[in-house]
Amino acid sequence: MKLGVLSGSKKMENKFYFKCITCGKKYSSNEVIYLCPECEKDNDKKIPPKGVLKTLYDYKRIKNYYKKENLFDNLKENNYIDLLPIDSTKSLSFLKVGKTPLYEINNLDNNELPFTVFLKDDSQNPTFSFKDRASNLVSAYAKENGIDTIVAASTGNAGSSLAGICASQNQKAIVFVPASAPKAKLIQIAMYGGIIIPVKGTYDDAFDLSIEATKKFGWYSRNTAYNPFTIEGKKTVSFEIFQQLNQKIPDRIFVPVGDGVIISGVYKGFEDLLKLDLIEKIPTIIAVQSQGSDNLVRNLKRDKFVSKQSHTIADSISVDIPRNFWMTKRFIKEYNGEWVSVSDEEIISASKILGENTGIFAEPAAVASFAGMLKYEKLGKIEPQSQNVVLLTGSGLKDLTSIEKQIFIPKPIKPNLSEVEKLSP
């Protein structure tokens, strides 16, 4: 079958609907909607927003349409269109988003590991970050609905991703960034033709201003934990992991966490597979945060959310108010997830270990997940023979400033062999 159950040339009505994670109210899919209109009224900027919407599908209909033994193969053949809130994959960018490699690692520093580590390298997306998955889907939805201007707040990755995908789709990208955003990422946005609006303040200040602008000017927002489709784009990584492991789930997955949208996307992808009876359980998913910006994991067991100002080299996961806190908390509780925080020193050390052992150069925010895995190993929390996936979400070339002080580059020598002999090990 070349066409999915809910796809085709004619637009299918009610392919998906939204459900508010706070009040449980359901909304149809025939109009642009961000947060639950009822719950949004009571939101306070000092705490994570309530009323975040989850996108749901007619899972029973999908199961009845395909034969059980070929269900996932058919979903894969159709590029998962049955589980995406768009009508056609032709609406997606022509750039190669997703389908990133999963590398198997069996030793580190010449020591054989008693367990298996798989590195899911999403730095190989078009703009070198995981965020392309969300931008691609948001752009496709905008394209199908005649929208040509998309806005986002970003510390850099989401902004450069949106600008790059929009450039490929002939759409306009407007990006609000905090003044501290890494220059390399701002250059990326500019090179893709995105409009940069620097904000004197934090990411959260940029986020709030972008929402106000969205409402004022009628732009379409790509903001994470605000536009529910960002989670739908990011969940495709779970489908790929399942596919690359021969339709089996790993024992655990380490995910870098800031707003909580990437980890919610990972959960949502496996939850879709669970609802389709393709898996019997969801892997143990570990939320990894920087100790300098642990506002999500630190509040998981608190009755009242308390924020503290973030200070970390991992700028892409540096967030004072994690916008998708409530959904992440619910996922972790429902599916017995775990969490760990790592110091900037542990992130820097992990960056070096990763680079020297694998040839993969990841930015600090991305390598936090690898640091989390190393910490779990040190604590004896990874069972022998287990399979563990580490999600690497961005290239190290995106943020050189934060690590350049940790790297020694020798001074130039005179161009003769005697000088080389002095340096020989």
Protein backbone atom coordinates (compact mmCIF):
# COMPACT_ATOMS: atom_id res chain seq x y z
CA MET A 1 0.00 0.00 0.00
CA LYS A 2 1.51 3.28 -1.07
CA LEU A 3 -0.97 5.53 0.70
CA GLY A 4 -1.54 5.60 4.43
CA VAL A 5 -4.96 5.11 5.93
CA LEU A 6 -5.34 8.80 6.63
CA SER A 7 -3.36 10.20 3.73
CA GLY A 8 -3.95 10.70 0.06
CA SER A 9 -4.81 13.43 -2.41
CA LYS A 10 -8.06 14.31 -0.67
CA LYS A 11 -7.69 15.91 2.74
CA MET A 12 -9.03 13.61 5.45
CA GLU A 13 -11.09 15.22 8.19
CA ASN A 14 -10.50 14.39 11.85
CA LYS A 15 -7.20 12.66 11.23
CA PHE A 16 -6.05 13.88 14.62
CA TYR A 17 -7.34 15.82 17.60
CA PHE A 18 -5.87 17.56 20.63
CA LYS A 19 -6.26 16.71 24.29
CA CYS A 20 -5.30 19.12 27.05
CA ILE A 21 -2.90 17.48 29.49
CA THR A 22 -4.23 19.70 32.29
CA CYS A 23 -8.03 19.52 32.08
CA GLY A 24 -8.48 16.69 29.58
CA LYS A 25 -10.67 18.68 27.20
CA LYS A 26 -10.52 17.63 23.54
CA TYR A 27 -10.32 19.92 20.53
CA SER A 28 -10.83 19.18 16.84
CA SER A 29 -8.03 19.77 14.35
CA ASN A 30 -9.64 22.16 11.87
CA GLU A 31 -8.00 25.35 13.13
CA VAL A 32 -4.67 26.61 14.41
CA ILE A 33 -4.53 26.13 18.16
CA TYR A 34 -1.68 26.32 20.64
CA LEU A 35 -2.61 25.96 24.32
CA CYS A 36 -5.97 24.91 25.76
CA PRO A 37 -8.01 28.17 25.66
CA GLU A 38 -9.54 27.45 29.07
CA CYS A 39 -6.35 26.56 30.94
CA GLU A 40 -4.32 29.30 29.27
CA LYS A 41 -6.40 31.95 31.05
CA ASP A 42 -4.89 31.01 34.42
CA ASN A 43 -1.25 30.79 33.36
CA ASP A 44 1.43 32.67 35.30
CA LYS A 45 4.72 33.60 33.58
CA LYS A 46 6.61 32.60 36.74
CA ILE A 47 5.72 28.91 36.38
CA PRO A 48 5.50 26.52 33.41
CA PRO A 49 2.30 26.98 31.37
CA LYS A 50 -0.63 24.65 31.81
CA GLY A 51 -2.92 23.70 28.96
CA VAL A 52 -0.25 22.13 26.74
CA LEU A 53 -1.96 20.00 24.09
CA LYS A 54 -1.16 16.43 23.12
CA THR A 55 -1.89 15.37 19.53
CA LEU A 56 -3.75 12.07 19.25
CA TYR A 57 -4.80 9.86 16.34
CA ASP A 58 -7.36 7.16 15.57
CA TYR A 59 -5.09 4.32 16.60
CA LYS A 60 -7.88 1.73 16.34
CA ARG A 61 -8.55 2.72 12.77
CA ILE A 62 -4.86 2.42 11.87
CA LYS A 63 -4.64 -1.04 13.48
CA ASN A 64 -7.72 -2.21 11.62
CA TYR A 65 -6.41 -0.93 8.29
CA TYR A 66 -3.05 -2.71 8.30
CA LYS A 67 -2.28 -6.35 9.01
CA LYS A 68 -0.66 -6.62 12.42
CA GLU A 69 2.45 -8.43 11.18
CA ASN A 70 3.11 -5.70 8.59
CA LEU A 71 1.85 -2.68 10.54
CA PHE A 72 5.18 -1.02 11.30
CA ASP A 73 6.61 -1.83 7.87
CA ASN A 74 3.65 -0.06 6.27
CA LEU A 75 3.99 2.92 8.58
CA LYS A 76 7.70 3.14 7.74
CA GLU A 77 7.08 2.77 3.99
CA ASN A 78 4.67 5.71 4.14
CA ASN A 79 7.17 7.80 6.16
CA TYR A 80 4.86 7.58 9.19
CA ILE A 81 2.29 9.88 7.55
CA ASP A 82 -0.51 8.07 9.44
CA LEU A 83 0.98 9.35 12.69
CA LEU A 84 1.72 12.91 11.58
CA PRO A 85 -0.68 15.90 11.58
CA ILE A 86 -0.20 16.67 7.88
CA ASP A 87 -1.86 15.33 4.75
CA SER A 88 1.19 14.53 2.65
CA THR A 89 4.90 14.01 3.16
CA LYS A 90 5.33 16.04 -0.02
CA SER A 91 4.64 19.09 2.15
CA LEU A 92 7.87 18.47 4.06
CA SER A 93 11.15 20.10 3.10
CA PHE A 94 13.21 18.51 0.33
CA LEU A 95 16.16 18.59 2.74
CA LYS A 96 17.01 15.27 4.40
CA VAL A 97 15.57 15.60 7.89
CA GLY A 98 15.76 12.60 10.19
CA LYS A 99 16.94 9.11 9.23
CA THR A 100 20.11 9.86 11.16
CA PRO A 101 22.65 7.15 12.01
CA LEU A 102 22.65 4.98 15.11
CA TYR A 103 26.25 4.04 15.92
CA GLU A 104 27.07 1.04 18.12
CA ILE A 105 29.87 1.65 20.64
CA ASN A 106 31.39 -1.29 22.55
CA ASN A 107 34.44 0.28 24.20
CA LEU A 108 35.70 3.58 25.58
CA ASP A 109 39.34 4.50 26.21
CA ASN A 110 40.35 1.00 25.06
CA ASN A 111 38.18 -0.59 27.74
CA GLU A 112 35.45 -2.96 26.61
CA LEU A 113 32.03 -1.99 27.91
CA PRO A 114 29.94 -4.69 29.65
CA PHE A 115 26.88 -3.21 27.94
CA THR A 116 26.11 -1.75 24.52
CA VAL A 117 25.84 1.97 23.80
CA PHE A 118 24.13 3.30 20.68
CA LEU A 119 24.75 6.92 19.71
CA LYS A 120 21.85 8.49 17.81
CA ASP A 121 23.64 11.30 15.98
CA ASP A 122 21.09 13.97 15.13
CA SER A 123 23.80 16.52 14.44
CA GLN A 124 23.61 15.15 10.90
CA ASN A 125 20.33 16.91 10.20
CA PRO A 126 20.42 19.78 7.64
CA THR A 127 21.09 22.56 10.17
CA PHE A 128 23.11 20.20 12.39
CA SER A 129 20.58 19.76 15.20
CA PHE A 130 17.66 17.63 16.38
CA LYS A 131 15.42 20.71 16.12
CA ASP A 132 15.04 20.16 12.36
CA ARG A 133 12.54 17.40 13.10
CA ALA A 134 10.15 19.88 14.71
CA SER A 135 10.81 22.71 12.26
CA ASN A 136 10.17 20.44 9.29
CA LEU A 137 6.76 19.35 10.53
CA VAL A 138 5.68 22.84 11.60
CA SER A 139 6.77 24.18 8.21
CA ALA A 140 4.85 21.44 6.39
CA TYR A 141 1.68 22.18 8.34
CA ALA A 142 2.07 25.89 7.59
CA LYS A 143 2.57 25.10 3.91
CA GLU A 144 -0.61 23.02 3.74
CA ASN A 145 -2.55 25.80 5.43
CA GLY A 146 -1.28 28.74 3.39
CA ILE A 147 0.91 30.23 6.13
CA ASP A 148 4.17 31.86 5.02
CA THR A 149 5.59 33.49 8.19
CA ILE A 150 6.76 31.42 11.15
CA VAL A 151 8.18 32.78 14.39
CA ALA A 152 10.15 31.22 17.24
CA ALA A 153 12.14 32.09 20.34
CA SER A 154 15.47 30.35 20.56
CA THR A 155 18.89 30.25 22.17
CA GLY A 156 20.11 29.37 18.69
CA ASN A 157 19.38 25.83 17.54
CA ALA A 158 15.62 26.09 17.08
CA GLY A 159 16.10 29.46 15.41
CA SER A 160 18.75 28.31 12.94
CA SER A 161 16.68 25.19 12.30
CA LEU A 162 13.54 27.19 11.58
CA ALA A 163 15.43 29.61 9.34
CA GLY A 164 17.06 26.80 7.38
CA ILE A 165 13.89 24.79 6.86
CA CYS A 166 11.91 27.93 5.96
CA ALA A 167 14.58 28.85 3.40
CA SER A 168 14.05 25.48 1.73
CA GLN A 169 10.27 25.95 1.79
CA ASN A 170 10.19 29.57 0.57
CA GLN A 171 8.79 30.74 3.92
CA LYS A 172 9.81 33.62 6.18
CA ALA A 173 11.40 32.91 9.58
CA ILE A 174 11.46 35.42 12.44
CA VAL A 175 13.61 34.47 15.41
CA PHE A 176 13.67 36.10 18.86
CA VAL A 177 16.97 35.35 20.62
CA PRO A 178 18.41 36.27 24.02
CA ALA A 179 21.41 38.61 23.82
CA SER A 180 23.65 35.78 25.08
CA ALA A 181 22.91 33.42 22.15
CA PRO A 182 26.11 31.94 20.63
CA LYS A 183 27.37 33.90 17.64
CA ALA A 184 27.80 30.80 15.48
CA LYS A 185 24.09 30.07 15.75
CA LEU A 186 23.14 33.68 14.97
CA ILE A 187 25.35 33.55 11.88
CA GLN A 188 23.50 30.42 10.81
CA ILE A 189 20.12 32.14 11.16
CA ALA A 190 21.33 35.12 9.15
CA MET A 191 22.85 32.97 6.40
CA TYR A 192 19.53 31.20 5.94
CA GLY A 193 17.80 34.56 5.55
CA GLY A 194 16.03 34.51 8.90
CA ILE A 195 15.09 37.77 10.61
CA ILE A 196 16.84 38.01 13.99
CA ILE A 197 15.30 39.99 16.86
CA PRO A 198 17.80 40.10 19.78
CA VAL A 199 16.21 40.56 23.20
CA LYS A 200 17.93 42.09 26.22
CA GLY A 201 17.15 39.30 28.64
CA THR A 202 16.91 35.52 28.97
CA TYR A 203 15.49 32.87 26.67
CA ASP A 204 12.30 33.06 28.70
CA ASP A 205 12.05 36.81 28.01
CA ALA A 206 12.51 36.15 24.30
CA PHE A 207 9.90 33.39 24.45
CA ASP A 208 7.28 35.60 26.11
CA LEU A 209 7.88 38.45 23.67
CA SER A 210 7.59 36.12 20.68
CA ILE A 211 4.20 34.90 21.94
CA GLU A 212 2.99 38.48 22.28
CA ALA A 213 4.18 39.19 18.74
CA THR A 214 2.46 36.05 17.47
CA LYS A 215 -0.86 37.22 18.88
CA LYS A 216 -0.35 40.81 17.72
CA PHE A 217 0.77 40.16 14.13
CA GLY A 218 -0.87 36.83 13.38
CA TRP A 219 2.38 34.95 12.77
CA TYR A 220 2.49 31.17 13.14
CA SER A 221 4.48 30.11 16.20
CA ARG A 222 6.95 27.24 16.20
CA ASN A 223 7.71 27.66 19.90
CA THR A 224 8.28 24.45 21.78
CA ALA A 225 5.61 23.44 24.31
CA TYR A 226 3.38 26.06 22.72
CA ASN A 227 2.88 24.61 19.25
CA PRO A 228 1.87 20.95 19.87
CA PHE A 229 3.33 19.87 16.53
CA THR A 230 6.90 20.39 17.74
CA ILE A 231 6.46 17.25 19.83
CA GLU A 232 5.01 15.40 16.85
CA GLY A 233 8.06 16.24 14.76
CA LYS A 234 10.48 15.22 17.48
CA LYS A 235 8.75 11.90 18.16
CA THR A 236 9.97 10.56 14.80
CA VAL A 237 13.32 9.82 16.45
CA SER A 238 11.60 7.06 18.46
CA PHE A 239 10.22 5.46 15.31
CA GLU A 240 13.72 5.48 13.83
CA ILE A 241 15.34 3.97 16.92
CA PHE A 242 12.71 1.21 16.91
CA GLN A 243 13.35 0.61 13.22
CA GLN A 244 17.16 0.66 13.53
CA LEU A 245 17.05 -1.86 16.39
CA ASN A 246 15.08 -4.28 14.20
CA GLN A 247 11.73 -3.40 15.74
CA LYS A 248 12.91 -3.83 19.30
CA ILE A 249 13.20 -1.28 22.08
CA PRO A 250 16.43 -0.51 23.97
CA ASP A 251 16.62 -0.87 27.74
CA ARG A 252 17.10 2.86 28.29
CA ILE A 253 17.53 6.13 26.44
CA PHE A 254 19.49 9.14 27.73
CA VAL A 255 18.01 12.46 26.60
CA PRO A 256 19.33 16.02 27.17
CA VAL A 257 16.59 18.15 28.70
CA GLY A 258 15.86 21.87 28.76
CA ASP A 259 12.22 22.77 28.09
CA GLY A 260 11.19 19.12 28.18
CA VAL A 261 9.95 18.98 24.59
CA ILE A 262 12.58 16.62 23.15
CA ILE A 263 12.06 14.07 25.92
CA SER A 264 8.29 14.40 25.56
CA GLY A 265 8.71 13.75 21.85
CA VAL A 266 10.74 10.61 22.59
CA TYR A 267 8.04 9.44 25.00
CA LYS A 268 5.24 10.31 22.56
CA GLY A 269 6.81 8.30 19.73
CA PHE A 270 7.03 5.19 21.86
CA GLU A 271 3.58 5.84 23.28
CA ASP A 272 2.18 5.85 19.73
CA LEU A 273 3.86 2.47 19.15
CA LEU A 274 2.42 1.23 22.44
CA LYS A 275 -1.10 2.27 21.46
CA LEU A 276 -0.67 0.41 18.17
CA ASP A 277 0.39 -2.74 20.09
CA LEU A 278 3.77 -2.69 18.37
CA ILE A 279 5.59 -2.71 21.71
CA GLU A 280 4.63 -4.02 25.12
CA LYS A 281 6.34 -1.34 27.19
CA ILE A 282 8.20 1.94 26.85
CA PRO A 283 11.99 1.99 27.42
CA THR A 284 13.35 3.57 30.58
CA ILE A 285 13.98 7.15 29.52
CA ILE A 286 16.45 9.23 31.51
CA ALA A 287 16.12 13.01 31.59
CA VAL A 288 19.59 14.54 31.79
CA GLN A 289 19.96 18.16 32.85
CA SER A 290 22.88 20.41 33.63
CA GLN A 291 23.22 21.09 37.35
CA GLY A 292 23.40 24.76 36.45
CA SER A 293 19.99 24.57 34.79
CA ASP A 294 18.04 21.79 36.46
CA ASN A 295 14.70 23.53 36.81
CA LEU A 296 12.83 20.57 35.35
CA VAL A 297 14.30 17.58 37.18
CA ARG A 298 14.70 19.49 40.45
CA ASN A 299 10.95 20.13 40.55
CA LEU A 300 9.69 16.67 39.59
CA LYS A 301 8.92 15.70 43.20
CA ARG A 302 7.92 19.15 44.41
CA ASP A 303 4.29 20.12 44.97
CA LYS A 304 5.03 23.72 44.01
CA PHE A 305 7.28 24.68 41.09
CA VAL A 306 10.26 26.83 42.10
CA SER A 307 12.60 28.29 39.50
CA LYS A 308 16.19 29.42 39.88
CA GLN A 309 18.36 31.36 37.46
CA SER A 310 20.32 29.15 35.08
CA HIS A 311 24.10 29.28 34.60
CA THR A 312 25.61 26.58 32.39
CA ILE A 313 27.84 26.13 29.36
CA ALA A 314 25.04 24.03 27.85
CA ASP A 315 23.14 27.01 26.45
CA SER A 316 20.62 25.02 24.41
CA ILE A 317 19.23 23.42 27.57
CA SER A 318 19.60 26.50 29.75
CA VAL A 319 16.03 27.32 30.77
CA ASP A 320 14.58 29.01 33.85
CA ILE A 321 10.96 28.10 33.12
CA PRO A 322 10.77 24.69 31.35
CA ARG A 323 7.72 25.20 29.15
CA ASN A 324 6.86 21.53 28.83
CA PHE A 325 7.35 20.69 32.49
CA TRP A 326 3.87 19.32 33.17
CA MET A 327 3.78 16.96 30.19
CA THR A 328 7.31 15.73 30.92
CA LYS A 329 6.44 15.14 34.57
CA ARG A 330 3.37 13.16 33.55
CA PHE A 331 5.30 11.02 31.07
CA ILE A 332 8.06 10.29 33.60
CA LYS A 333 5.55 9.34 36.29
CA GLU A 334 3.37 7.20 34.00
CA TYR A 335 6.23 5.30 32.37
CA ASN A 336 8.65 5.09 35.31
CA GLY A 337 11.21 7.44 33.84
CA GLU A 338 14.38 8.49 35.63
CA TRP A 339 16.50 11.62 35.82
CA VAL A 340 20.01 12.78 36.59
CA SER A 341 21.89 16.07 36.59
CA VAL A 342 25.49 16.58 35.50
CA SER A 343 27.94 19.38 36.21
CA ASP A 344 29.56 21.56 33.56
CA GLU A 345 32.84 19.83 34.40
CA GLU A 346 31.27 16.44 33.70
CA ILE A 347 29.90 17.76 30.40
CA ILE A 348 33.31 19.07 29.33
CA SER A 349 34.97 15.78 30.28
CA ALA A 350 32.29 13.81 28.42
CA SER A 351 32.79 15.99 25.34
CA LYS A 352 36.45 15.06 25.22
CA ILE A 353 35.78 11.36 25.82
CA LEU A 354 33.12 11.33 23.10
CA GLY A 355 35.29 13.13 20.58
CA GLU A 356 38.45 11.12 21.17
CA ASN A 357 36.66 7.76 21.16
CA THR A 358 34.14 8.19 18.39
CA GLY A 359 35.07 11.15 16.18
CA ILE A 360 31.74 12.79 17.04
CA PHE A 361 31.94 16.44 18.11
CA ALA A 362 28.77 17.41 19.97
CA GLU A 363 27.86 20.73 21.55
CA PRO A 364 27.69 20.86 25.38
CA ALA A 365 23.89 20.68 25.50
CA ALA A 366 23.92 17.59 23.30
CA VAL A 367 26.75 15.82 25.09
CA ALA A 368 24.95 16.22 28.42
CA SER A 369 23.15 12.97 27.60
CA PHE A 370 26.48 11.19 27.13
CA ALA A 371 27.68 12.66 30.43
CA GLY A 372 24.52 11.26 32.00
CA MET A 373 25.31 7.81 30.62
CA LEU A 374 28.87 7.99 32.00
CA LYS A 375 27.50 9.01 35.39
CA TYR A 376 25.07 6.08 35.36
CA GLU A 377 27.98 3.76 34.52
CA LYS A 378 30.05 5.18 37.38
CA LEU A 379 27.16 4.64 39.78
CA GLY A 380 26.72 1.05 38.61
CA LYS A 381 23.22 1.70 37.29
CA ILE A 382 23.66 0.14 33.84
CA GLU A 383 23.17 -3.63 33.73
CA PRO A 384 25.60 -5.89 31.85
CA GLN A 385 24.37 -6.91 28.38
CA SER A 386 21.83 -4.07 28.34
CA GLN A 387 21.25 -1.83 25.32
CA ASN A 388 21.48 1.91 25.92
CA VAL A 389 20.77 4.74 23.47
CA VAL A 390 22.36 8.17 23.91
CA LEU A 391 20.63 10.95 21.99
CA LEU A 392 23.11 13.50 20.60
CA THR A 393 21.17 16.55 19.53
CA GLY A 394 23.59 19.08 18.04
CA SER A 395 27.00 19.66 16.47
CA GLY A 396 29.90 21.00 18.50
CA LEU A 397 30.60 23.54 15.75
CA LYS A 398 27.49 25.41 16.88
CA ASP A 399 29.04 26.55 20.14
CA LEU A 400 32.85 26.78 20.13
CA THR A 401 33.12 29.59 22.69
CA SER A 402 32.02 27.50 25.65
CA ILE A 403 34.73 24.89 25.19
CA GLU A 404 37.65 26.72 23.56
CA LYS A 405 39.17 27.52 26.97
CA GLN A 406 39.37 23.79 27.64
CA ILE A 407 41.35 23.04 24.48
CA PHE A 408 45.12 23.47 24.13
CA ILE A 409 46.31 24.54 20.68
CA PRO A 410 50.13 24.61 20.43
CA LYS A 411 52.04 27.64 19.22
CA PRO A 412 53.41 27.61 15.64
CA ILE A 413 56.87 26.16 15.06
CA LYS A 414 59.54 27.03 12.50
CA PRO A 415 59.17 25.03 9.25
CA ASN A 416 62.00 22.53 9.82
CA LEU A 417 62.27 18.94 11.06
CA SER A 418 64.41 19.77 14.09
CA GLU A 419 61.46 21.68 15.50
CA VAL A 420 59.20 18.67 14.85
CA GLU A 421 61.65 16.36 16.64
CA LYS A 422 61.36 18.48 19.77
CA LEU A 423 57.62 17.84 19.77
CA SER A 424 57.71 14.12 18.97
CA PRO A 425 56.14 11.95 21.69
